[in-house]
PDB file of N, CA and C in Angstrom:
ATOM      1  N   MET A   1      -0.211  -1.357 -29.471  1.00  0.00           N
ATOM      2  CA  MET A   1      -0.140  -2.356 -28.372  1.00  0.00           C
ATOM      3  C   MET A   1       0.120  -1.623 -27.034  1.00  0.00           C
ATOM      4  N   ILE A   2       0.500  -2.364 -26.059  1.00  0.00           N
ATOM      5  CA  ILE A   2       0.702  -1.792 -24.709  1.00  0.00           C
ATOM      6  C   ILE A   2       1.917  -0.908 -24.641  1.00  0.00           C
ATOM      7  N   ILE A   3       1.775   0.280 -24.102  1.00  0.00           N
ATOM      8  CA  ILE A   3       2.916   1.232 -24.155  1.00  0.00           C
ATOM      9  C   ILE A   3       3.287   1.612 -22.656  1.00  0.00           C
ATOM     10  N   ARG A   4       2.457   1.223 -21.667  1.00  0.00           N
ATOM     11  CA  ARG A   4       2.871   1.705 -20.291  1.00  0.00           C
ATOM     12  C   ARG A   4       2.046   0.937 -19.284  1.00  0.00           C
ATOM     13  N   TYR A   5       2.675   0.743 -18.118  1.00  0.00           N
ATOM     14  CA  TYR A   5       1.945   0.136 -16.964  1.00  0.00           C
ATOM     15  C   TYR A   5       1.417   1.328 -16.129  1.00  0.00           C
ATOM     16  N   GLU A   6       0.113   1.368 -15.902  1.00  0.00           N
ATOM     17  CA  GLU A   6      -0.512   2.549 -15.328  1.00  0.00           C
ATOM     18  C   GLU A   6      -0.667   2.484 -13.804  1.00  0.00           C
ATOM     19  N   CYS A   7      -1.261   1.394 -13.348  1.00  0.00           N
ATOM     20  CA  CYS A   7      -1.621   1.349 -11.880  1.00  0.00           C
ATOM     21  C   CYS A   7      -2.105   0.029 -11.416  1.00  0.00           C
ATOM     22  N   VAL A   8      -2.265  -0.128 -10.109  1.00  0.00           N
ATOM     23  CA  VAL A   8      -3.027  -1.265  -9.522  1.00  0.00           C
ATOM     24  C   VAL A   8      -4.250  -0.717  -8.922  1.00  0.00           C
ATOM     25  N   ASN A   9      -5.462  -1.192  -9.293  1.00  0.00           N
ATOM     26  CA  ASN A   9      -6.565  -0.767  -8.629  1.00  0.00           C
ATOM     27  C   ASN A   9      -6.966  -1.555  -7.471  1.00  0.00           C
ATOM     28  N   ILE A  10      -7.214  -0.973  -6.309  1.00  0.00           N
ATOM     29  CA  ILE A  10      -7.776  -1.688  -5.170  1.00  0.00           C
ATOM     30  C   ILE A  10      -9.022  -0.895  -4.672  1.00  0.00           C
ATOM     31  N   SER A  11      -9.989  -1.622  -4.177  1.00  0.00           N
ATOM     32  CA  SER A  11     -11.200  -0.978  -3.727  1.00  0.00           C
ATOM     33  C   SER A  11     -11.358  -1.183  -2.178  1.00  0.00           C
ATOM     34  N   SER A  12     -12.062  -0.335  -1.520  1.00  0.00           N
ATOM     35  CA  SER A  12     -12.199  -0.451  -0.104  1.00  0.00           C
ATOM     36  C   SER A  12     -13.615   0.007   0.295  1.00  0.00           C
ATOM     37  N   LEU A  13     -14.239  -0.613   1.284  1.00  0.00           N
ATOM     38  CA  LEU A  13     -15.458  -0.114   1.799  1.00  0.00           C
ATOM     39  C   LEU A  13     -15.235   1.138   2.619  1.00  0.00           C
ATOM     40  N   ASN A  14     -13.994   1.338   3.052  1.00  0.00           N
ATOM     41  CA  ASN A  14     -13.603   2.554   3.821  1.00  0.00           C
ATOM     42  C   ASN A  14     -12.404   3.227   3.171  1.00  0.00           C
ATOM     43  N   PRO A  15     -12.530   3.766   1.948  1.00  0.00           N
ATOM     44  CA  PRO A  15     -11.364   4.261   1.251  1.00  0.00           C
ATOM     45  C   PRO A  15     -10.643   5.299   1.993  1.00  0.00           C
ATOM     46  N   LYS A  16     -11.288   6.136   2.674  1.00  0.00           N
ATOM     47  CA  LYS A  16     -10.568   7.277   3.489  1.00  0.00           C
ATOM     48  C   LYS A  16      -9.565   6.615   4.480  1.00  0.00           C
ATOM     49  N   ALA A  17     -10.042   5.594   5.269  1.00  0.00           N
ATOM     50  CA  ALA A  17      -9.167   4.998   6.190  1.00  0.00           C
ATOM     51  C   ALA A  17      -7.946   4.288   5.458  1.00  0.00           C
ATOM     52  N   LEU A  18      -8.240   3.632   4.251  1.00  0.00           N
ATOM     53  CA  LEU A  18      -7.155   2.958   3.572  1.00  0.00           C
ATOM     54  C   LEU A  18      -6.174   3.989   3.003  1.00  0.00           C
ATOM     55  N   VAL A  19      -6.610   5.031   2.485  1.00  0.00           N
ATOM     56  CA  VAL A  19      -5.730   6.099   1.964  1.00  0.00           C
ATOM     57  C   VAL A  19      -4.922   6.662   3.103  1.00  0.00           C
ATOM     58  N   GLU A  20      -5.497   6.916   4.240  1.00  0.00           N
ATOM     59  CA  GLU A  20      -4.736   7.284   5.495  1.00  0.00           C
ATOM     60  C   GLU A  20      -3.697   6.286   5.908  1.00  0.00           C
ATOM     61  N   PHE A  21      -4.053   4.992   5.769  1.00  0.00           N
ATOM     62  CA  PHE A  21      -3.083   3.973   6.216  1.00  0.00           C
ATOM     63  C   PHE A  21      -1.878   4.129   5.267  1.00  0.00           C
ATOM     64  N   TYR A  22      -2.041   4.024   3.979  1.00  0.00           N
ATOM     65  CA  TYR A  22      -0.885   4.075   3.015  1.00  0.00           C
ATOM     66  C   TYR A  22      -0.100   5.360   3.144  1.00  0.00           C
ATOM     67  N   HIS A  23      -0.909   6.494   3.313  1.00  0.00           N
ATOM     68  CA  HIS A  23      -0.192   7.769   3.353  1.00  0.00           C
ATOM     69  C   HIS A  23       0.382   8.110   4.740  1.00  0.00           C
ATOM     70  N   ASP A  24      -0.474   8.139   5.763  1.00  0.00           N
ATOM     71  CA  ASP A  24       0.005   8.571   7.067  1.00  0.00           C
ATOM     72  C   ASP A  24       0.869   7.436   7.759  1.00  0.00           C
ATOM     73  N   THR A  25       0.440   6.192   7.602  1.00  0.00           N
ATOM     74  CA  THR A  25       1.136   5.201   8.382  1.00  0.00           C
ATOM     75  C   THR A  25       2.411   4.780   7.614  1.00  0.00           C
ATOM     76  N   LEU A  26       2.262   4.440   6.322  1.00  0.00           N
ATOM     77  CA  LEU A  26       3.386   3.917   5.607  1.00  0.00           C
ATOM     78  C   LEU A  26       4.139   5.047   4.875  1.00  0.00           C
ATOM     79  N   GLY A  27       3.516   6.252   4.752  1.00  0.00           N
ATOM     80  CA  GLY A  27       4.418   7.307   4.227  1.00  0.00           C
ATOM     81  C   GLY A  27       4.413   7.399   2.710  1.00  0.00           C
ATOM     82  N   ILE A  28       3.507   6.695   2.036  1.00  0.00           N
ATOM     83  CA  ILE A  28       3.458   6.691   0.516  1.00  0.00           C
ATOM     84  C   ILE A  28       2.799   8.025   0.210  1.00  0.00           C
ATOM     85  N   PRO A  29       3.410   8.856  -0.701  1.00  0.00           N
ATOM     86  CA  PRO A  29       2.848  10.162  -1.104  1.00  0.00           C
ATOM     87  C   PRO A  29       1.522   9.960  -1.932  1.00  0.00           C
ATOM     88  N   ILE A  30       0.677  10.892  -1.701  1.00  0.00           N
ATOM     89  CA  ILE A  30      -0.565  11.081  -2.513  1.00  0.00           C
ATOM     90  C   ILE A  30      -0.225  11.937  -3.671  1.00  0.00           C
ATOM     91  N   VAL A  31      -0.446  11.327  -4.904  1.00  0.00           N
ATOM     92  CA  VAL A  31      -0.088  12.074  -6.088  1.00  0.00           C
ATOM     93  C   VAL A  31      -1.297  12.531  -6.930  1.00  0.00           C
ATOM     94  N   GLY A  32      -2.446  12.186  -6.512  1.00  0.00           N
ATOM     95  CA  GLY A  32      -3.739  12.567  -7.050  1.00  0.00           C
ATOM     96  C   GLY A  32      -4.766  12.318  -6.078  1.00  0.00           C
ATOM     97  N   ALA A  33      -5.576  13.318  -5.755  1.00  0.00           N
ATOM     98  CA  ALA A  33      -6.556  13.129  -4.649  1.00  0.00           C
ATOM     99  C   ALA A  33      -7.945  13.540  -5.155  1.00  0.00           C
ATOM    100  N   ASP A  34      -8.934  12.936  -4.451  1.00  0.00           N
ATOM    101  CA  ASP A  34     -10.296  13.305  -4.597  1.00  0.00           C
ATOM    102  C   ASP A  34     -10.875  13.615  -3.258  1.00  0.00           C
ATOM    103  N   GLU A  35     -11.634  14.677  -3.107  1.00  0.00           N
ATOM    104  CA  GLU A  35     -12.175  15.086  -1.812  1.00  0.00           C
ATOM    105  C   GLU A  35     -13.000  14.022  -1.157  1.00  0.00           C
ATOM    106  N   ASN A  36     -13.567  13.054  -1.892  1.00  0.00           N
ATOM    107  CA  ASN A  36     -14.447  12.071  -1.323  1.00  0.00           C
ATOM    108  C   ASN A  36     -13.597  10.707  -1.207  1.00  0.00           C
ATOM    109  N   PHE A  37     -12.238  10.749  -1.407  1.00  0.00           N
ATOM    110  CA  PHE A  37     -11.437   9.628  -1.281  1.00  0.00           C
ATOM    111  C   PHE A  37     -11.882   8.482  -2.298  1.00  0.00           C
ATOM    112  N   ASP A  38     -12.213   8.903  -3.465  1.00  0.00           N
ATOM    113  CA  ASP A  38     -12.641   7.985  -4.461  1.00  0.00           C
ATOM    114  C   ASP A  38     -11.720   8.238  -5.733  1.00  0.00           C
ATOM    115  N   GLY A  39     -10.819   7.284  -6.000  1.00  0.00           N
ATOM    116  CA  GLY A  39      -9.897   7.454  -7.052  1.00  0.00           C
ATOM    117  C   GLY A  39      -8.671   8.176  -6.640  1.00  0.00           C
ATOM    118  N   VAL A  40      -8.176   7.904  -5.482  1.00  0.00           N
ATOM    119  CA  VAL A  40      -6.998   8.535  -4.945  1.00  0.00           C
ATOM    120  C   VAL A  40      -5.752   7.771  -5.476  1.00  0.00           C
ATOM    121  N   SER A  41      -4.734   8.503  -5.999  1.00  0.00           N
ATOM    122  CA  SER A  41      -3.467   7.933  -6.441  1.00  0.00           C
ATOM    123  C   SER A  41      -2.439   8.066  -5.472  1.00  0.00           C
ATOM    124  N   LEU A  42      -1.716   6.983  -5.150  1.00  0.00           N
ATOM    125  CA  LEU A  42      -0.526   7.062  -4.296  1.00  0.00           C
ATOM    126  C   LEU A  42       0.684   6.496  -5.046  1.00  0.00           C
ATOM    127  N   GLY A  43       1.783   7.155  -4.902  1.00  0.00           N
ATOM    128  CA  GLY A  43       3.005   6.738  -5.621  1.00  0.00           C
ATOM    129  C   GLY A  43       4.186   7.570  -5.297  1.00  0.00           C
ATOM    130  N   PHE A  44       5.325   7.271  -5.982  1.00  0.00           N
ATOM    131  CA  PHE A  44       6.560   7.917  -5.625  1.00  0.00           C
ATOM    132  C   PHE A  44       7.170   8.809  -6.670  1.00  0.00           C
ATOM    133  N   MET A  45       6.714   8.662  -7.904  1.00  0.00           N
ATOM    134  CA  MET A  45       7.268   9.494  -8.968  1.00  0.00           C
ATOM    135  C   MET A  45       6.156   9.842  -9.957  1.00  0.00           C
ATOM    136  N   GLU A  46       6.245  11.072 -10.498  1.00  0.00           N
ATOM    137  CA  GLU A  46       5.356  11.588 -11.490  1.00  0.00           C
ATOM    138  C   GLU A  46       5.430  10.630 -12.757  1.00  0.00           C
ATOM    139  N   ASP A  47       4.329  10.364 -13.363  1.00  0.00           N
ATOM    140  CA  ASP A  47       4.341   9.589 -14.575  1.00  0.00           C
ATOM    141  C   ASP A  47       4.807   8.093 -14.366  1.00  0.00           C
ATOM    142  N   ALA A  48       4.724   7.640 -13.145  1.00  0.00           N
ATOM    143  CA  ALA A  48       5.109   6.231 -12.841  1.00  0.00           C
ATOM    144  C   ALA A  48       3.745   5.506 -12.358  1.00  0.00           C
ATOM    145  N   PRO A  49       3.808   4.186 -12.333  1.00  0.00           N
ATOM    146  CA  PRO A  49       2.639   3.441 -11.895  1.00  0.00           C
ATOM    147  C   PRO A  49       2.319   3.873 -10.423  1.00  0.00           C
ATOM    148  N   VAL A  50       1.016   3.773 -10.152  1.00  0.00           N
ATOM    149  CA  VAL A  50       0.540   4.225  -8.828  1.00  0.00           C
ATOM    150  C   VAL A  50      -0.399   3.148  -8.246  1.00  0.00           C
ATOM    151  N   ILE A  51      -0.757   3.229  -6.995  1.00  0.00           N
ATOM    152  CA  ILE A  51      -1.825   2.605  -6.363  1.00  0.00           C
ATOM    153  C   ILE A  51      -3.055   3.371  -6.424  1.00  0.00           C
ATOM    154  N   MET A  52      -4.189   2.853  -6.981  1.00  0.00           N
ATOM    155  CA  MET A  52      -5.431   3.636  -7.064  1.00  0.00           C
ATOM    156  C   MET A  52      -6.332   3.079  -6.108  1.00  0.00           C
ATOM    157  N   ILE A  53      -6.882   3.911  -5.187  1.00  0.00           N
ATOM    158  CA  ILE A  53      -7.953   3.382  -4.214  1.00  0.00           C
ATOM    159  C   ILE A  53      -9.243   3.982  -4.662  1.00  0.00           C
ATOM    160  N   TRP A  54     -10.206   3.033  -4.734  1.00  0.00           N
ATOM    161  CA  TRP A  54     -11.544   3.367  -5.176  1.00  0.00           C
ATOM    162  C   TRP A  54     -12.617   3.063  -4.086  1.00  0.00           C
ATOM    163  N   ASP A  55     -13.630   3.665  -4.108  1.00  0.00           N
ATOM    164  CA  ASP A  55     -14.756   3.467  -3.069  1.00  0.00           C
ATOM    165  C   ASP A  55     -15.627   2.243  -3.580  1.00  0.00           C
ATOM    166  N   GLU A  56     -15.404   1.105  -2.950  1.00  0.00           N
ATOM    167  CA  GLU A  56     -16.117  -0.101  -3.262  1.00  0.00           C
ATOM    168  C   GLU A  56     -17.675   0.072  -3.116  1.00  0.00           C
ATOM    169  N   ASN A  57     -18.070   0.916  -2.197  1.00  0.00           N
ATOM    170  CA  ASN A  57     -19.457   1.231  -2.047  1.00  0.00           C
ATOM    171  C   ASN A  57     -20.210   1.786  -3.309  1.00  0.00           C
ATOM    172  N   LYS A  58     -19.337   2.561  -4.060  1.00  0.00           N
ATOM    173  CA  LYS A  58     -19.855   3.248  -5.254  1.00  0.00           C
ATOM    174  C   LYS A  58     -19.641   2.388  -6.474  1.00  0.00           C
ATOM    175  N   TRP A  59     -18.415   1.770  -6.581  1.00  0.00           N
ATOM    176  CA  TRP A  59     -17.977   1.128  -7.847  1.00  0.00           C
ATOM    177  C   TRP A  59     -17.985  -0.371  -7.798  1.00  0.00           C
ATOM    178  N   GLY A  60     -18.181  -0.961  -6.686  1.00  0.00           N
ATOM    179  CA  GLY A  60     -18.061  -2.457  -6.473  1.00  0.00           C
ATOM    180  C   GLY A  60     -16.555  -2.838  -6.323  1.00  0.00           C
ATOM    181  N   LYS A  61     -16.310  -4.128  -6.359  1.00  0.00           N
ATOM    182  CA  LYS A  61     -14.897  -4.547  -6.186  1.00  0.00           C
ATOM    183  C   LYS A  61     -14.045  -4.319  -7.456  1.00  0.00           C
ATOM    184  N   SER A  62     -12.924  -3.824  -7.298  1.00  0.00           N
ATOM    185  CA  SER A  62     -11.998  -3.568  -8.464  1.00  0.00           C
ATOM    186  C   SER A  62     -11.154  -4.785  -8.780  1.00  0.00           C
ATOM    187  N   SER A  63     -11.165  -5.812  -7.994  1.00  0.00           N
ATOM    188  CA  SER A  63     -10.393  -7.051  -8.286  1.00  0.00           C
ATOM    189  C   SER A  63     -11.139  -8.197  -7.595  1.00  0.00           C
ATOM    190  N   GLU A  64     -10.686  -9.384  -8.035  1.00  0.00           N
ATOM    191  CA  GLU A  64     -11.389 -10.571  -7.603  1.00  0.00           C
ATOM    192  C   GLU A  64     -10.699 -11.108  -6.282  1.00  0.00           C
ATOM    193  N   GLY A  65      -9.584 -10.633  -5.883  1.00  0.00           N
ATOM    194  CA  GLY A  65      -8.925 -11.116  -4.666  1.00  0.00           C
ATOM    195  C   GLY A  65      -8.044 -10.061  -4.086  1.00  0.00           C
ATOM    196  N   LYS A  66      -7.267 -10.388  -3.098  1.00  0.00           N
ATOM    197  CA  LYS A  66      -6.322  -9.493  -2.455  1.00  0.00           C
ATOM    198  C   LYS A  66      -5.124  -9.230  -3.243  1.00  0.00           C
ATOM    199  N   VAL A  67      -4.441  -8.184  -3.035  1.00  0.00           N
ATOM    200  CA  VAL A  67      -3.262  -7.708  -3.749  1.00  0.00           C
ATOM    201  C   VAL A  67      -2.088  -7.893  -2.851  1.00  0.00           C
ATOM    202  N   ASN A  68      -0.941  -8.179  -3.429  1.00  0.00           N
ATOM    203  CA  ASN A  68       0.335  -8.312  -2.645  1.00  0.00           C
ATOM    204  C   ASN A  68       1.303  -7.221  -3.144  1.00  0.00           C
ATOM    205  N   PHE A  69       1.542  -6.246  -2.302  1.00  0.00           N
ATOM    206  CA  PHE A  69       2.488  -5.113  -2.687  1.00  0.00           C
ATOM    207  C   PHE A  69       3.826  -5.378  -2.140  1.00  0.00           C
ATOM    208  N   VAL A  70       4.840  -5.009  -2.897  1.00  0.00           N
ATOM    209  CA  VAL A  70       6.296  -5.180  -2.475  1.00  0.00           C
ATOM    210  C   VAL A  70       6.877  -3.773  -2.521  1.00  0.00           C
ATOM    211  N   PHE A  71       7.405  -3.350  -1.439  1.00  0.00           N
ATOM    212  CA  PHE A  71       8.129  -2.043  -1.392  1.00  0.00           C
ATOM    213  C   PHE A  71       9.512  -2.187  -0.804  1.00  0.00           C
ATOM    214  N   HIS A  72      10.365  -1.263  -1.166  1.00  0.00           N
ATOM    215  CA  HIS A  72      11.710  -1.224  -0.548  1.00  0.00           C
ATOM    216  C   HIS A  72      11.689  -0.061   0.513  1.00  0.00           C
ATOM    217  N   CYS A  73      12.410  -0.329   1.555  1.00  0.00           N
ATOM    218  CA  CYS A  73      12.540   0.692   2.586  1.00  0.00           C
ATOM    219  C   CYS A  73      14.061   0.982   2.781  1.00  0.00           C
ATOM    220  N   ASP A  74      14.366   2.059   3.362  1.00  0.00           N
ATOM    221  CA  ASP A  74      15.831   2.402   3.640  1.00  0.00           C
ATOM    222  C   ASP A  74      16.375   1.644   4.886  1.00  0.00           C
ATOM    223  N   ASP A  75      15.616   1.275   5.851  1.00  0.00           N
ATOM    224  CA  ASP A  75      16.191   0.651   7.045  1.00  0.00           C
ATOM    225  C   ASP A  75      14.973  -0.228   7.577  1.00  0.00           C
ATOM    226  N   ILE A  76      15.027  -1.498   7.265  1.00  0.00           N
ATOM    227  CA  ILE A  76      13.981  -2.344   7.638  1.00  0.00           C
ATOM    228  C   ILE A  76      13.677  -2.475   9.153  1.00  0.00           C
ATOM    229  N   ASP A  77      14.765  -2.469   9.957  1.00  0.00           N
ATOM    230  CA  ASP A  77      14.628  -2.570  11.380  1.00  0.00           C
ATOM    231  C   ASP A  77      14.005  -1.269  11.961  1.00  0.00           C
ATOM    232  N   LYS A  78      14.409  -0.146  11.491  1.00  0.00           N
ATOM    233  CA  LYS A  78      13.831   1.208  11.979  1.00  0.00           C
ATOM    234  C   LYS A  78      12.395   1.290  11.468  1.00  0.00           C
ATOM    235  N   THR A  79      12.100   0.818  10.251  1.00  0.00           N
ATOM    236  CA  THR A  79      10.755   0.856   9.689  1.00  0.00           C
ATOM    237  C   THR A  79       9.885   0.001  10.593  1.00  0.00           C
ATOM    238  N   TYR A  80      10.306  -1.205  10.981  1.00  0.00           N
ATOM    239  CA  TYR A  80       9.580  -2.079  11.823  1.00  0.00           C
ATOM    240  C   TYR A  80       9.250  -1.343  13.193  1.00  0.00           C
ATOM    241  N   LEU A  81      10.187  -0.660  13.792  1.00  0.00           N
ATOM    242  CA  LEU A  81       9.978   0.022  15.018  1.00  0.00           C
ATOM    243  C   LEU A  81       9.011   1.223  14.880  1.00  0.00           C
ATOM    244  N   ASP A  82       9.197   1.910  13.751  1.00  0.00           N
ATOM    245  CA  ASP A  82       8.305   3.062  13.508  1.00  0.00           C
ATOM    246  C   ASP A  82       6.834   2.557  13.278  1.00  0.00           C
ATOM    247  N   LEU A  83       6.716   1.514  12.623  1.00  0.00           N
ATOM    248  CA  LEU A  83       5.286   1.011  12.346  1.00  0.00           C
ATOM    249  C   LEU A  83       4.644   0.420  13.707  1.00  0.00           C
ATOM    250  N   LYS A  84       5.423  -0.256  14.475  1.00  0.00           N
ATOM    251  CA  LYS A  84       5.017  -0.679  15.782  1.00  0.00           C
ATOM    252  C   LYS A  84       4.609   0.522  16.644  1.00  0.00           C
ATOM    253  N   GLU A  85       5.318   1.525  16.530  1.00  0.00           N
ATOM    254  CA  GLU A  85       4.990   2.769  17.352  1.00  0.00           C
ATOM    255  C   GLU A  85       3.747   3.442  16.910  1.00  0.00           C
ATOM    256  N   LYS A  86       3.420   3.261  15.638  1.00  0.00           N
ATOM    257  CA  LYS A  86       2.191   3.688  15.073  1.00  0.00           C
ATOM    258  C   LYS A  86       1.058   2.768  15.301  1.00  0.00           C
ATOM    259  N   GLY A  87       1.272   1.679  15.938  1.00  0.00           N
ATOM    260  CA  GLY A  87       0.111   0.807  16.216  1.00  0.00           C
ATOM    261  C   GLY A  87      -0.185  -0.371  15.209  1.00  0.00           C
ATOM    262  N   VAL A  88       0.701  -0.510  14.270  1.00  0.00           N
ATOM    263  CA  VAL A  88       0.513  -1.457  13.252  1.00  0.00           C
ATOM    264  C   VAL A  88       0.815  -2.820  13.803  1.00  0.00           C
ATOM    265  N   SER A  89      -0.022  -3.804  13.596  1.00  0.00           N
ATOM    266  CA  SER A  89       0.231  -5.239  14.053  1.00  0.00           C
ATOM    267  C   SER A  89       1.108  -5.900  13.108  1.00  0.00           C
ATOM    268  N   LEU A  90       2.317  -6.288  13.500  1.00  0.00           N
ATOM    269  CA  LEU A  90       3.181  -6.979  12.593  1.00  0.00           C
ATOM    270  C   LEU A  90       4.222  -7.729  13.405  1.00  0.00           C
ATOM    271  N   GLU A  91       4.872  -8.731  12.828  1.00  0.00           N
ATOM    272  CA  GLU A  91       5.960  -9.469  13.434  1.00  0.00           C
ATOM    273  C   GLU A  91       7.274  -8.835  12.995  1.00  0.00           C
ATOM    274  N   PRO A  92       8.364  -9.096  13.846  1.00  0.00           N
ATOM    275  CA  PRO A  92       9.726  -8.575  13.530  1.00  0.00           C
ATOM    276  C   PRO A  92      10.134  -9.120  12.091  1.00  0.00           C
ATOM    277  N   PRO A  93      11.138  -8.307  11.460  1.00  0.00           N
ATOM    278  CA  PRO A  93      11.663  -8.699  10.224  1.00  0.00           C
ATOM    279  C   PRO A  93      12.244 -10.122  10.284  1.00  0.00           C
ATOM    280  N   THR A  94      12.262 -10.920   9.196  1.00  0.00           N
ATOM    281  CA  THR A  94      12.878 -12.193   9.121  1.00  0.00           C
ATOM    282  C   THR A  94      13.936 -12.140   8.033  1.00  0.00           C
ATOM    283  N   VAL A  95      14.837 -13.074   8.078  1.00  0.00           N
ATOM    284  CA  VAL A  95      15.807 -13.248   6.991  1.00  0.00           C
ATOM    285  C   VAL A  95      15.220 -14.244   5.995  1.00  0.00           C
ATOM    286  N   ALA A  96      14.935 -13.869   4.756  1.00  0.00           N
ATOM    287  CA  ALA A  96      14.338 -14.697   3.791  1.00  0.00           C
ATOM    288  C   ALA A  96      15.390 -15.628   3.251  1.00  0.00           C
ATOM    289  N   VAL A  97      14.902 -16.768   2.570  1.00  0.00           N
ATOM    290  CA  VAL A  97      15.698 -17.802   1.983  1.00  0.00           C
ATOM    291  C   VAL A  97      16.827 -17.247   1.009  1.00  0.00           C
ATOM    292  N   TRP A  98      16.447 -16.078   0.399  1.00  0.00           N
ATOM    293  CA  TRP A  98      17.445 -15.410  -0.510  1.00  0.00           C
ATOM    294  C   TRP A  98      18.510 -14.662   0.182  1.00  0.00           C
ATOM    295  N   GLY A  99      18.367 -14.543   1.500  1.00  0.00           N
ATOM    296  CA  GLY A  99      19.367 -13.768   2.297  1.00  0.00           C
ATOM    297  C   GLY A  99      19.098 -12.439   2.777  1.00  0.00           C
ATOM    298  N   GLY A 100      18.070 -11.797   2.155  1.00  0.00           N
ATOM    299  CA  GLY A 100      17.752 -10.396   2.573  1.00  0.00           C
ATOM    300  C   GLY A 100      16.675 -10.402   3.711  1.00  0.00           C
ATOM    301  N   LYS A 101      16.533  -9.324   4.360  1.00  0.00           N
ATOM    302  CA  LYS A 101      15.572  -9.175   5.352  1.00  0.00           C
ATOM    303  C   LYS A 101      14.172  -8.766   4.709  1.00  0.00           C
ATOM    304  N   GLU A 102      13.079  -9.374   5.329  1.00  0.00           N
ATOM    305  CA  GLU A 102      11.691  -9.135   4.873  1.00  0.00           C
ATOM    306  C   GLU A 102      10.816  -8.827   6.023  1.00  0.00           C
ATOM    307  N   LEU A 103       9.866  -7.899   5.821  1.00  0.00           N
ATOM    308  CA  LEU A 103       8.947  -7.485   6.873  1.00  0.00           C
ATOM    309  C   LEU A 103       7.519  -7.501   6.136  1.00  0.00           C
ATOM    310  N   THR A 104       6.678  -8.339   6.769  1.00  0.00           N
ATOM    311  CA  THR A 104       5.352  -8.464   6.218  1.00  0.00           C
ATOM    312  C   THR A 104       4.252  -7.992   7.137  1.00  0.00           C
ATOM    313  N   LEU A 105       3.165  -7.348   6.438  1.00  0.00           N
ATOM    314  CA  LEU A 105       2.090  -6.851   7.181  1.00  0.00           C
ATOM    315  C   LEU A 105       0.864  -6.845   6.249  1.00  0.00           C
ATOM    316  N   ASN A 106      -0.280  -6.558   6.851  1.00  0.00           N
ATOM    317  CA  ASN A 106      -1.455  -6.354   5.988  1.00  0.00           C
ATOM    318  C   ASN A 106      -2.034  -4.954   6.117  1.00  0.00           C
ATOM    319  N   ASP A 107      -2.645  -4.450   5.082  1.00  0.00           N
ATOM    320  CA  ASP A 107      -3.370  -3.223   5.124  1.00  0.00           C
ATOM    321  C   ASP A 107      -4.726  -3.464   5.831  1.00  0.00           C
ATOM    322  N   LEU A 108      -5.488  -2.387   5.923  1.00  0.00           N
ATOM    323  CA  LEU A 108      -6.762  -2.485   6.643  1.00  0.00           C
ATOM    324  C   LEU A 108      -7.798  -3.335   5.979  1.00  0.00           C
ATOM    325  N   ASP A 109      -7.618  -3.637   4.616  1.00  0.00           N
ATOM    326  CA  ASP A 109      -8.514  -4.457   3.920  1.00  0.00           C
ATOM    327  C   ASP A 109      -8.033  -5.915   3.603  1.00  0.00           C
ATOM    328  N   GLY A 110      -6.814  -6.241   4.270  1.00  0.00           N
ATOM    329  CA  GLY A 110      -6.206  -7.578   4.143  1.00  0.00           C
ATOM    330  C   GLY A 110      -5.346  -7.733   2.981  1.00  0.00           C
ATOM    331  N   ASN A 111      -4.958  -6.698   2.196  1.00  0.00           N
ATOM    332  CA  ASN A 111      -3.940  -6.745   1.213  1.00  0.00           C
ATOM    333  C   ASN A 111      -2.507  -6.981   1.880  1.00  0.00           C
ATOM    334  N   LYS A 112      -1.781  -7.866   1.326  1.00  0.00           N
ATOM    335  CA  LYS A 112      -0.452  -8.160   1.950  1.00  0.00           C
ATOM    336  C   LYS A 112       0.520  -7.139   1.479  1.00  0.00           C
ATOM    337  N   ILE A 113       1.437  -6.657   2.319  1.00  0.00           N
ATOM    338  CA  ILE A 113       2.492  -5.762   2.067  1.00  0.00           C
ATOM    339  C   ILE A 113       3.830  -6.395   2.485  1.00  0.00           C
ATOM    340  N   LEU A 114       4.746  -6.527   1.598  1.00  0.00           N
ATOM    341  CA  LEU A 114       6.038  -7.049   1.847  1.00  0.00           C
ATOM    342  C   LEU A 114       7.072  -5.910   1.695  1.00  0.00           C
ATOM    343  N   LEU A 115       7.833  -5.694   2.814  1.00  0.00           N
ATOM    344  CA  LEU A 115       8.864  -4.641   2.810  1.00  0.00           C
ATOM    345  C   LEU A 115      10.159  -5.338   2.679  1.00  0.00           C
ATOM    346  N   LEU A 116      11.021  -4.839   1.733  1.00  0.00           N
ATOM    347  CA  LEU A 116      12.391  -5.371   1.660  1.00  0.00           C
ATOM    348  C   LEU A 116      13.382  -4.270   2.116  1.00  0.00           C
TER     349      LEU A 116
END
């Protein structure tokens, strides 16, 4: 039966730009790369689930809809300021109904990112 959760596949018409957004803008490490930006793995720990970015021009769509990623950050207010400084379009953090702060944004392909 199932023994491990492997990854989330997302595809992009411009995978290089999407990889750069997740790596350079959001700071998510690249853990496995391809020189053509096709099948790039981004994640935080070895042998843990990753985000896989595929070239949609070559492989077609890897999912039927958009994905919603949830990440934790160390300082949501500083992260907001850092992302604004990098030119990311986003609104200030809000206090969620559960009491914690949330910051939402979209990647270059419209996938939603929620920062806690």
